[in-house]
Amino acid sequence: MDFPSKHPRFFGRHLNSIACKCLALVVILLFLRVVLLPSFSVYDSINRNNKEFTHSSSLSFDSEYGIRRDKFLEVPQIVWGLNNQKIAFARACLTARMLNRTLLMPSLSASLFYKELDRLQPISFDKVFQFERFNSLCNGFVQLGHYSFLRNLTGICDLPKGSGRKWMVERDLDQLRQYGKDPYDGYEVIRIVGKNPFLWHDHWPVKDYARVFECLVLVEEIEREASKVVSKIREVGREMRGHTKSAQSGIDSDGSSLQAVPYVAVHMRIEIDWMIHCRKLEQRSKISQICSSKEEIMERVGNIVGLKTPTVVYLAVADSLLEDPSILTGWKDGLVPFEKKKLGVDGIYKKYPYLIQSAIDYEVCLRADVFVGNSFSTFSSLIALERTQKMIRMGITHSCGLHVRWPSYAYNILGESNGPQKWMTNISDSSLKAVSYGTNIISC
């Protein structure tokens, strides 16, 4: 009888018990590696990738709209007048949007010494406009960021803005497109160096600028000061109409609201430096409808069809004109002119630098029942733009020949009945050039 060997066979060979155990252990380990370890490796890889994706997404993109928040654009200090600064700011925002970056909160200029760089008196954006409110209203379109958001991981790349006659719109656009790609896009910060943003080339339609302007809300302090001026204007108007005021409620004796007392705001550009500028502009452009004398302004405002009198006319004028009594005389009967000194609110303005004073006057003109300005003034043009947006939101797309809420007029262009021309901004225009540099084509 054959008895089995006390040593087992493996591939036809006898192995002792120790060798068998070792071999079996090796086989088991190999089996576990083949069967189990790949699944661990795949799981770890997926988990790691998910963590990296989640981390990257939370830093880089707005989860709903895809705006990167780990890439930034830095621009030079913004200068010139308030509304030129607003245009420059919007242009910086739209540049950042094109590069799919967050705009680092820029510095504005409180003073008007734009030719003397050492006297620019910088002021932070959030001292004039509400930072969080801006991001809330413009969420998904453009985004502002603080410098504290920077992580300093990939450094800064300088983007030199071209200048001169050879630097055309097309070349500027090509440059921006290049900086939206690698290797430039890899930098955490792209810093634009060169002239201030107001002088950059324009690549965006009016509606995009208007979208940014809608997000600019004055800080509460400036808003309150503007409200004080508007209330004073309406109070004077009520007294002029022979009403008595309820001290607590702000209600007239006939039960009407103080808000119902209308006023006209006129942006009166007759300063010496403006008249020199506009005369030269008329010669270069061969357009006669740019400059207006105070007599012409008074006459045309007085000829506005359907204007109810008596009414207060608030004159938004430069401080240099406050000592000129002639701007308050010669108006048509029923139109009673006031400027901030005669109104008794000049103390409000004197507390602040130029930029804030201009912001207050802008808000006062924006809220007026009727606004009259110069179509070649950036101040007037942006007010007309905002008032046009108000009408559009009310369902009015064309104001010519209609008695509408928030009407605007350009006194430098002759309109109906020898009055100023009705003014409504063409929101569908492909370029902001007409708004930022002036035009006598004003839709109506």
Protein backbone atom coordinates (compact mmCIF):
# COMPACT_ATOMS: atom_id res chain seq x y z
CA MET A 1 0.00 0.00 0.00
CA ASP A 2 1.24 3.35 -0.87
CA PHE A 3 1.16 5.81 1.92
CA PRO A 4 1.20 9.55 1.22
CA SER A 5 4.44 11.24 1.85
CA LYS A 6 4.64 13.22 5.03
CA HIS A 7 5.95 16.14 2.92
CA PRO A 8 3.39 17.71 0.50
CA ARG A 9 4.10 18.27 -3.19
CA PHE A 10 4.10 21.62 -4.90
CA PHE A 11 4.47 21.65 -8.68
CA GLY A 12 5.62 18.08 -8.40
CA ARG A 13 8.16 18.77 -5.77
CA HIS A 14 8.25 17.80 -2.13
CA LEU A 15 8.43 20.68 0.34
CA ASN A 16 8.99 20.56 4.03
CA SER A 17 6.45 22.17 6.38
CA ILE A 18 8.45 25.40 6.93
CA ALA A 19 8.96 26.01 3.24
CA CYS A 20 5.29 25.26 2.61
CA LYS A 21 4.16 27.76 5.18
CA CYS A 22 6.44 30.44 3.77
CA LEU A 23 5.25 29.84 0.25
CA ALA A 24 1.63 29.90 1.34
CA LEU A 25 2.20 33.23 3.10
CA VAL A 26 3.76 34.69 -0.04
CA VAL A 27 0.82 33.51 -2.14
CA ILE A 28 -1.64 35.05 0.30
CA LEU A 29 0.22 38.37 0.30
CA LEU A 30 0.31 38.42 -3.50
CA PHE A 31 -3.40 37.69 -3.60
CA LEU A 32 -4.18 40.50 -1.17
CA ARG A 33 -2.05 42.94 -3.17
CA VAL A 34 -3.75 42.06 -6.44
CA VAL A 35 -7.29 42.04 -5.09
CA LEU A 36 -7.35 44.66 -2.37
CA LEU A 37 -4.59 47.23 -2.83
CA PRO A 38 -5.73 48.62 -6.21
CA SER A 39 -9.09 49.48 -4.74
CA PHE A 40 -7.38 51.28 -1.85
CA SER A 41 -5.19 53.15 -4.31
CA VAL A 42 -8.09 54.18 -6.51
CA TYR A 43 -10.14 55.31 -3.49
CA ASP A 44 -7.22 57.34 -2.12
CA SER A 45 -6.67 58.91 -5.52
CA ILE A 46 -10.34 59.84 -5.94
CA ASN A 47 -10.56 61.13 -2.39
CA ARG A 48 -7.38 63.16 -2.81
CA ASN A 49 -8.58 64.58 -6.14
CA ASN A 50 -11.96 65.45 -4.65
CA LYS A 51 -10.27 67.28 -1.78
CA GLU A 52 -8.03 69.18 -4.18
CA PHE A 53 -11.00 70.04 -6.42
CA THR A 54 -13.08 71.21 -3.46
CA HIS A 55 -10.20 73.30 -2.10
CA SER A 56 -9.45 74.77 -5.49
CA SER A 57 -13.11 75.50 -6.22
CA SER A 58 -13.69 77.25 -2.92
CA LEU A 59 -10.76 79.58 -3.60
CA SER A 60 -10.94 80.02 -7.33
CA PHE A 61 -14.56 80.20 -8.37
CA ASP A 62 -17.87 81.57 -7.38
CA SER A 63 -19.79 78.29 -7.14
CA GLU A 64 -22.73 79.63 -9.14
CA TYR A 65 -21.15 81.92 -11.69
CA GLY A 66 -17.54 80.82 -12.02
CA ILE A 67 -15.72 84.02 -11.04
CA ARG A 68 -12.19 83.28 -9.90
CA ARG A 69 -11.32 84.57 -6.47
CA ASP A 70 -7.74 83.41 -6.26
CA LYS A 71 -6.58 85.48 -9.26
CA PHE A 72 -6.47 89.26 -9.06
CA LEU A 73 -6.02 92.41 -11.13
CA GLU A 74 -4.33 95.49 -9.66
CA VAL A 75 -4.69 98.92 -11.28
CA PRO A 76 -3.01 102.32 -10.75
CA GLN A 77 -4.55 104.98 -8.54
CA ILE A 78 -7.62 106.40 -10.29
CA VAL A 79 -7.56 110.16 -10.89
CA TRP A 80 -9.44 113.18 -12.32
CA GLY A 81 -13.03 114.21 -11.57
CA LEU A 82 -15.60 112.03 -9.83
CA ASN A 83 -17.29 110.78 -12.97
CA ASN A 84 -14.08 110.23 -14.88
CA GLN A 85 -13.03 108.15 -11.86
CA LYS A 86 -16.29 106.19 -12.02
CA ILE A 87 -15.68 105.44 -15.69
CA ALA A 88 -12.09 104.46 -14.94
CA PHE A 89 -13.27 102.18 -12.14
CA ALA A 90 -15.85 100.53 -14.40
CA ARG A 91 -13.21 100.06 -17.09
CA ALA A 92 -10.91 98.41 -14.53
CA CYS A 93 -13.77 96.12 -13.44
CA LEU A 94 -14.51 95.11 -17.02
CA THR A 95 -10.83 94.49 -17.69
CA ALA A 96 -10.73 92.19 -14.67
CA ARG A 97 -13.89 90.46 -15.92
CA MET A 98 -12.26 89.87 -19.32
CA LEU A 99 -9.25 88.30 -17.59
CA ASN A 100 -11.59 86.32 -15.29
CA ARG A 101 -10.05 87.92 -12.21
CA THR A 102 -11.15 89.72 -9.07
CA LEU A 103 -10.28 93.44 -9.07
CA LEU A 104 -8.25 94.48 -6.04
CA MET A 105 -10.03 97.41 -4.42
CA PRO A 106 -8.48 100.47 -6.08
CA SER A 107 -7.52 103.82 -4.63
CA LEU A 108 -9.50 106.86 -5.81
CA SER A 109 -8.36 110.50 -5.64
CA ALA A 110 -10.00 112.93 -3.26
CA SER A 111 -8.42 115.95 -4.93
CA LEU A 112 -8.42 117.21 -8.51
CA PHE A 113 -4.68 117.81 -8.88
CA TYR A 114 -4.35 115.12 -11.51
CA LYS A 115 -1.27 116.67 -13.08
CA GLU A 116 0.62 116.87 -9.78
CA LEU A 117 1.07 113.30 -8.64
CA ASP A 118 2.40 114.29 -5.22
CA ARG A 119 -0.87 116.11 -4.46
CA LEU A 120 -3.36 113.44 -5.50
CA GLN A 121 -4.60 112.78 -1.96
CA PRO A 122 -5.62 109.12 -2.35
CA ILE A 123 -8.86 107.89 -0.81
CA SER A 124 -9.94 104.28 -0.49
CA PHE A 125 -12.85 103.10 -2.63
CA ASP A 126 -14.81 101.97 0.45
CA LYS A 127 -14.67 105.50 1.90
CA VAL A 128 -16.91 106.63 -0.97
CA PHE A 129 -18.85 103.55 -2.10
CA GLN A 130 -20.11 100.52 -0.18
CA PHE A 131 -17.72 97.58 -0.76
CA GLU A 132 -19.97 94.69 0.32
CA ARG A 133 -23.00 96.24 -1.35
CA PHE A 134 -21.08 96.51 -4.61
CA ASN A 135 -20.15 92.81 -4.55
CA SER A 136 -23.71 91.86 -3.66
CA LEU A 137 -25.29 93.85 -6.49
CA CYS A 138 -22.65 92.87 -9.06
CA ASN A 139 -22.39 89.24 -7.96
CA GLY A 140 -21.59 87.06 -10.95
CA PHE A 141 -20.65 90.01 -13.17
CA VAL A 142 -17.59 91.63 -11.57
CA GLN A 143 -15.96 91.19 -8.18
CA LEU A 144 -13.93 93.38 -5.80
CA GLY A 145 -11.34 91.97 -3.42
CA HIS A 146 -9.21 93.22 -0.52
CA TYR A 147 -5.43 93.01 -0.56
CA SER A 148 -5.73 90.78 2.49
CA PHE A 149 -7.13 88.11 0.14
CA LEU A 150 -3.71 87.65 -1.46
CA ARG A 151 -1.85 84.44 -0.62
CA ASN A 152 1.42 85.42 -2.34
CA LEU A 153 1.85 82.02 -3.98
CA THR A 154 2.77 82.81 -7.57
CA GLY A 155 3.98 86.40 -7.51
CA ILE A 156 3.04 89.43 -9.59
CA CYS A 157 3.13 89.92 -13.35
CA ASP A 158 3.29 93.47 -14.71
CA LEU A 159 1.09 94.34 -17.67
CA PRO A 160 2.41 97.53 -19.29
CA LYS A 161 -0.35 99.53 -20.95
CA GLY A 162 0.66 100.87 -24.32
CA SER A 163 0.39 104.50 -25.31
CA GLY A 164 0.92 106.74 -28.31
CA ARG A 165 -0.55 106.73 -31.80
CA LYS A 166 0.76 103.28 -32.66
CA TRP A 167 -1.05 101.71 -29.73
CA MET A 168 -4.45 101.08 -31.27
CA VAL A 169 -7.64 99.58 -29.86
CA GLU A 170 -6.92 96.30 -31.65
CA ARG A 171 -3.43 96.02 -30.17
CA ASP A 172 -4.76 96.76 -26.70
CA LEU A 173 -7.43 94.07 -27.06
CA ASP A 174 -4.87 91.54 -28.32
CA GLN A 175 -2.68 92.29 -25.31
CA LEU A 176 -5.54 91.63 -22.90
CA ARG A 177 -6.32 88.35 -24.63
CA GLN A 178 -2.70 87.24 -24.31
CA TYR A 179 -2.66 88.02 -20.59
CA GLY A 180 -5.69 85.81 -20.17
CA LYS A 181 -3.59 82.79 -21.18
CA ASP A 182 -0.50 80.99 -19.88
CA PRO A 183 2.09 81.84 -18.75
CA TYR A 184 0.56 85.18 -17.61
CA ASP A 185 -2.62 83.61 -16.32
CA GLY A 186 -0.62 81.51 -13.85
CA TYR A 187 0.29 84.55 -11.75
CA GLU A 188 -1.80 85.32 -8.71
CA VAL A 189 -1.72 89.06 -9.49
CA ILE A 190 -1.56 90.86 -12.81
CA ARG A 191 -0.59 94.46 -12.10
CA ILE A 192 -1.33 97.04 -14.79
CA VAL A 193 1.31 99.73 -15.03
CA GLY A 194 1.03 102.89 -17.07
CA LYS A 195 -1.50 105.68 -17.37
CA ASN A 196 -4.61 105.81 -15.22
CA PRO A 197 -7.54 103.58 -16.25
CA PHE A 198 -9.63 106.45 -17.63
CA LEU A 199 -7.21 106.67 -20.55
CA TRP A 200 -7.27 102.96 -21.40
CA HIS A 201 -8.89 101.88 -24.61
CA ASP A 202 -12.56 100.99 -24.41
CA HIS A 203 -13.74 97.50 -25.46
CA TRP A 204 -17.17 97.23 -23.84
CA PRO A 205 -20.72 98.39 -24.66
CA VAL A 206 -22.63 101.01 -22.68
CA LYS A 207 -24.82 98.35 -21.04
CA ASP A 208 -21.76 96.75 -19.40
CA TYR A 209 -20.65 100.08 -17.94
CA ALA A 210 -24.23 100.79 -16.85
CA ARG A 211 -24.29 97.41 -15.09
CA VAL A 212 -21.22 98.40 -13.03
CA PHE A 213 -22.60 101.88 -12.26
CA GLU A 214 -25.77 100.31 -10.87
CA CYS A 215 -23.66 98.58 -8.21
CA LEU A 216 -22.05 101.82 -6.98
CA VAL A 217 -23.89 102.85 -3.81
CA LEU A 218 -22.59 105.77 -1.76
CA VAL A 219 -21.60 105.10 1.82
CA GLU A 220 -24.30 106.03 4.32
CA GLU A 221 -22.56 109.19 5.54
CA ILE A 222 -22.46 110.75 2.06
CA GLU A 223 -25.99 109.53 1.35
CA ARG A 224 -27.25 111.28 4.48
CA GLU A 225 -25.51 114.54 3.53
CA ALA A 226 -27.11 114.45 0.06
CA SER A 227 -30.50 113.79 1.65
CA LYS A 228 -30.05 116.89 3.85
CA VAL A 229 -29.44 119.03 0.76
CA VAL A 230 -32.44 117.56 -1.10
CA SER A 231 -34.67 118.06 1.95
CA LYS A 232 -33.55 121.70 2.19
CA ILE A 233 -34.35 122.26 -1.50
CA ARG A 234 -37.83 120.77 -1.11
CA GLU A 235 -38.39 122.73 2.11
CA VAL A 236 -37.58 125.98 0.30
CA GLY A 237 -39.91 124.92 -2.50
CA ARG A 238 -42.73 124.23 -0.07
CA GLU A 239 -42.26 127.57 1.69
CA MET A 240 -42.13 129.29 -1.67
CA ARG A 241 -45.52 127.79 -2.49
CA GLY A 242 -46.95 129.16 0.72
CA HIS A 243 -47.29 125.89 2.65
CA THR A 244 -46.60 125.38 6.32
CA LYS A 245 -44.56 122.47 7.54
CA SER A 246 -45.38 120.01 10.26
CA ALA A 247 -42.18 120.05 12.32
CA GLN A 248 -42.20 116.37 13.17
CA SER A 249 -43.73 114.57 10.18
CA GLY A 250 -42.49 116.60 7.25
CA ILE A 251 -46.10 116.81 5.93
CA ASP A 252 -47.56 119.95 4.39
CA SER A 253 -50.73 121.52 5.79
CA ASP A 254 -52.70 120.23 2.82
CA GLY A 255 -51.64 116.65 3.63
CA SER A 256 -49.15 116.25 0.77
CA SER A 257 -45.73 114.73 1.32
CA LEU A 258 -42.57 116.80 1.32
CA GLN A 259 -41.32 114.40 -1.38
CA ALA A 260 -44.06 115.75 -3.68
CA VAL A 261 -42.49 119.24 -3.83
CA PRO A 262 -40.58 119.15 -7.15
CA TYR A 263 -37.34 120.86 -8.10
CA VAL A 264 -35.17 121.31 -11.18
CA ALA A 265 -31.41 120.68 -11.06
CA VAL A 266 -29.14 122.42 -13.57
CA HIS A 267 -25.50 121.43 -13.98
CA MET A 268 -24.29 124.88 -14.97
CA ARG A 269 -20.91 124.69 -16.70
CA ILE A 270 -19.75 128.23 -17.31
CA GLU A 271 -16.40 128.29 -15.47
CA ILE A 272 -13.57 130.07 -17.26
CA ASP A 273 -11.47 126.91 -17.72
CA TRP A 274 -14.49 125.03 -19.10
CA MET A 275 -15.32 127.80 -21.58
CA ILE A 276 -11.74 127.78 -22.85
CA HIS A 277 -11.83 124.00 -23.19
CA CYS A 278 -15.20 123.87 -24.93
CA ARG A 279 -14.29 126.61 -27.43
CA LYS A 280 -11.20 124.66 -28.45
CA LEU A 281 -13.28 121.49 -28.63
CA GLU A 282 -15.78 123.23 -30.92
CA GLN A 283 -12.95 124.29 -33.23
CA ARG A 284 -11.37 120.82 -33.37
CA SER A 285 -14.61 118.89 -33.79
CA LYS A 286 -16.34 121.54 -35.93
CA ILE A 287 -19.41 121.25 -33.71
CA SER A 288 -21.03 124.47 -32.52
CA GLN A 289 -23.37 122.93 -29.93
CA ILE A 290 -20.95 122.47 -27.02
CA CYS A 291 -20.55 125.74 -25.15
CA SER A 292 -23.45 127.60 -23.57
CA SER A 293 -23.43 131.01 -21.89
CA LYS A 294 -25.35 131.53 -18.66
CA GLU A 295 -27.88 133.63 -20.60
CA GLU A 296 -28.49 130.79 -23.04
CA ILE A 297 -28.85 128.27 -20.20
CA MET A 298 -31.35 130.49 -18.36
CA GLU A 299 -33.42 131.06 -21.49
CA ARG A 300 -33.59 127.41 -22.51
CA VAL A 301 -34.39 126.10 -19.03
CA GLY A 302 -37.19 128.68 -18.87
CA ASN A 303 -38.62 127.31 -22.13
CA ILE A 304 -38.99 123.68 -21.00
CA VAL A 305 -42.46 122.64 -22.15
CA GLY A 306 -44.84 121.69 -19.35
CA LEU A 307 -42.61 122.88 -16.50
CA LYS A 308 -44.83 123.81 -13.57
CA THR A 309 -44.03 127.01 -11.70
CA PRO A 310 -43.19 128.33 -9.23
CA THR A 311 -40.34 125.90 -8.72
CA VAL A 312 -36.88 125.83 -7.21
CA VAL A 313 -33.95 125.58 -9.62
CA TYR A 314 -30.89 124.12 -7.90
CA LEU A 315 -27.67 125.20 -9.61
CA ALA A 316 -24.86 122.66 -9.37
CA VAL A 317 -21.93 125.01 -9.91
CA ALA A 318 -18.24 125.17 -9.11
CA ASP A 319 -17.25 126.95 -5.89
CA SER A 320 -15.60 129.68 -7.97
CA LEU A 321 -19.08 130.77 -9.10
CA LEU A 322 -20.61 131.01 -5.64
CA GLU A 323 -19.49 134.62 -5.30
CA ASP A 324 -20.98 135.56 -8.70
CA PRO A 325 -24.46 137.02 -8.03
CA SER A 326 -25.20 137.18 -11.74
CA ILE A 327 -25.94 133.44 -11.92
CA LEU A 328 -28.97 134.04 -9.68
CA THR A 329 -30.46 136.87 -11.74
CA GLY A 330 -32.15 136.87 -15.12
CA TRP A 331 -34.23 133.71 -14.70
CA LYS A 332 -37.77 133.46 -16.02
CA ASP A 333 -40.55 134.37 -13.62
CA GLY A 334 -41.56 131.34 -11.59
CA LEU A 335 -38.07 129.82 -11.63
CA VAL A 336 -36.30 130.59 -8.35
CA PRO A 337 -32.56 129.74 -8.49
CA PHE A 338 -30.53 128.54 -5.51
CA GLU A 339 -26.94 127.38 -5.21
CA LYS A 340 -25.50 125.77 -2.09
CA LYS A 341 -24.41 129.06 -0.52
CA LYS A 342 -27.80 130.77 -0.92
CA LEU A 343 -29.49 127.55 0.15
CA GLY A 344 -27.45 127.57 3.36
CA VAL A 345 -25.90 124.13 2.88
CA ASP A 346 -22.39 125.15 1.87
CA GLY A 347 -21.23 124.12 5.36
CA ILE A 348 -22.12 120.53 4.51
CA TYR A 349 -19.87 120.59 1.47
CA LYS A 350 -16.95 122.36 3.13
CA LYS A 351 -16.45 119.44 5.53
CA TYR A 352 -15.30 117.20 2.70
CA PRO A 353 -12.65 117.04 -0.05
CA TYR A 354 -13.51 117.70 -3.67
CA LEU A 355 -14.50 114.12 -4.54
CA ILE A 356 -17.11 113.88 -1.77
CA GLN A 357 -18.51 117.33 -2.60
CA SER A 358 -18.96 116.23 -6.19
CA ALA A 359 -20.61 112.97 -5.05
CA ILE A 360 -23.15 114.94 -2.99
CA ASP A 361 -23.98 117.26 -5.90
CA TYR A 362 -24.27 114.27 -8.23
CA GLU A 363 -26.84 112.64 -5.93
CA VAL A 364 -28.80 115.89 -5.61
CA CYS A 365 -29.00 116.21 -9.42
CA LEU A 366 -29.82 112.52 -9.83
CA ARG A 367 -32.85 112.81 -7.51
CA ALA A 368 -34.22 115.98 -9.15
CA ASP A 369 -37.62 115.85 -10.81
CA VAL A 370 -36.08 117.50 -13.89
CA PHE A 371 -32.38 117.51 -14.75
CA VAL A 372 -30.68 119.82 -17.25
CA GLY A 373 -27.01 119.49 -18.15
CA ASN A 374 -24.39 119.70 -20.89
CA SER A 375 -24.06 116.62 -23.14
CA PHE A 376 -20.28 117.14 -23.36
CA SER A 377 -19.87 116.96 -19.59
CA THR A 378 -19.09 113.57 -18.05
CA PHE A 379 -20.93 114.63 -14.86
CA SER A 380 -24.10 115.41 -16.83
CA SER A 381 -23.74 112.37 -19.10
CA LEU A 382 -23.61 109.83 -16.26
CA ILE A 383 -26.60 111.44 -14.55
CA ALA A 384 -28.55 111.20 -17.82
CA LEU A 385 -27.44 107.56 -18.11
CA GLU A 386 -28.69 106.68 -14.60
CA ARG A 387 -31.97 108.51 -15.14
CA THR A 388 -32.41 106.64 -18.43
CA GLN A 389 -31.99 103.36 -16.55
CA LYS A 390 -34.65 104.45 -14.07
CA MET A 391 -37.07 105.08 -16.94
CA ILE A 392 -36.24 101.77 -18.59
CA ARG A 393 -37.00 99.97 -15.33
CA MET A 394 -40.39 101.72 -15.40
CA GLY A 395 -40.98 100.31 -18.89
CA ILE A 396 -40.16 103.52 -20.81
CA THR A 397 -37.73 102.95 -23.67
CA HIS A 398 -38.17 106.27 -25.49
CA SER A 399 -38.81 109.62 -23.79
CA CYS A 400 -39.01 111.88 -26.82
CA GLY A 401 -42.30 113.74 -27.03
CA LEU A 402 -43.60 112.17 -23.81
CA HIS A 403 -44.26 113.59 -20.37
CA VAL A 404 -42.31 111.05 -18.33
CA ARG A 405 -40.86 110.67 -14.85
CA TRP A 406 -37.14 111.51 -14.52
CA PRO A 407 -36.79 113.61 -17.70
CA SER A 408 -33.33 114.91 -18.64
CA TYR A 409 -32.38 117.71 -21.03
CA ALA A 410 -29.19 119.03 -22.66
CA TYR A 411 -29.15 122.84 -22.65
CA ASN A 412 -26.30 123.01 -25.18
CA ILE A 413 -28.58 121.55 -27.87
CA LEU A 414 -31.65 123.47 -29.06
CA GLY A 415 -34.88 121.53 -28.63
CA GLU A 416 -38.62 122.06 -28.76
CA SER A 417 -39.98 125.62 -28.31
CA ASN A 418 -36.44 127.03 -28.02
CA GLY A 419 -35.90 124.94 -24.93
CA PRO A 420 -33.18 122.37 -24.20
CA GLN A 421 -33.15 119.08 -26.11
CA LYS A 422 -34.67 116.04 -24.40
CA TRP A 423 -31.97 113.56 -23.45
CA MET A 424 -32.07 109.79 -23.13
CA THR A 425 -28.90 107.66 -23.27
CA ASN A 426 -28.64 104.97 -25.92
CA ILE A 427 -27.99 101.96 -23.66
CA SER A 428 -27.51 99.70 -26.70
CA ASP A 429 -24.53 101.74 -27.96
CA SER A 430 -21.46 99.59 -28.61
CA SER A 431 -19.02 102.03 -27.01
CA LEU A 432 -18.92 104.40 -24.05
CA LYS A 433 -17.08 106.99 -26.12
CA ALA A 434 -20.18 109.17 -26.48
CA VAL A 435 -20.72 109.23 -22.71
CA SER A 436 -17.12 109.69 -21.62
CA TYR A 437 -16.07 112.28 -24.20
CA GLY A 438 -19.37 113.99 -25.04
CA THR A 439 -21.73 114.08 -28.02
CA ASN A 440 -24.59 116.06 -29.50
CA ILE A 441 -26.36 112.82 -30.50
CA ILE A 442 -28.50 112.13 -27.46
CA SER A 443 -31.20 109.73 -28.72
CA CYS A 444 -33.96 112.32 -28.95
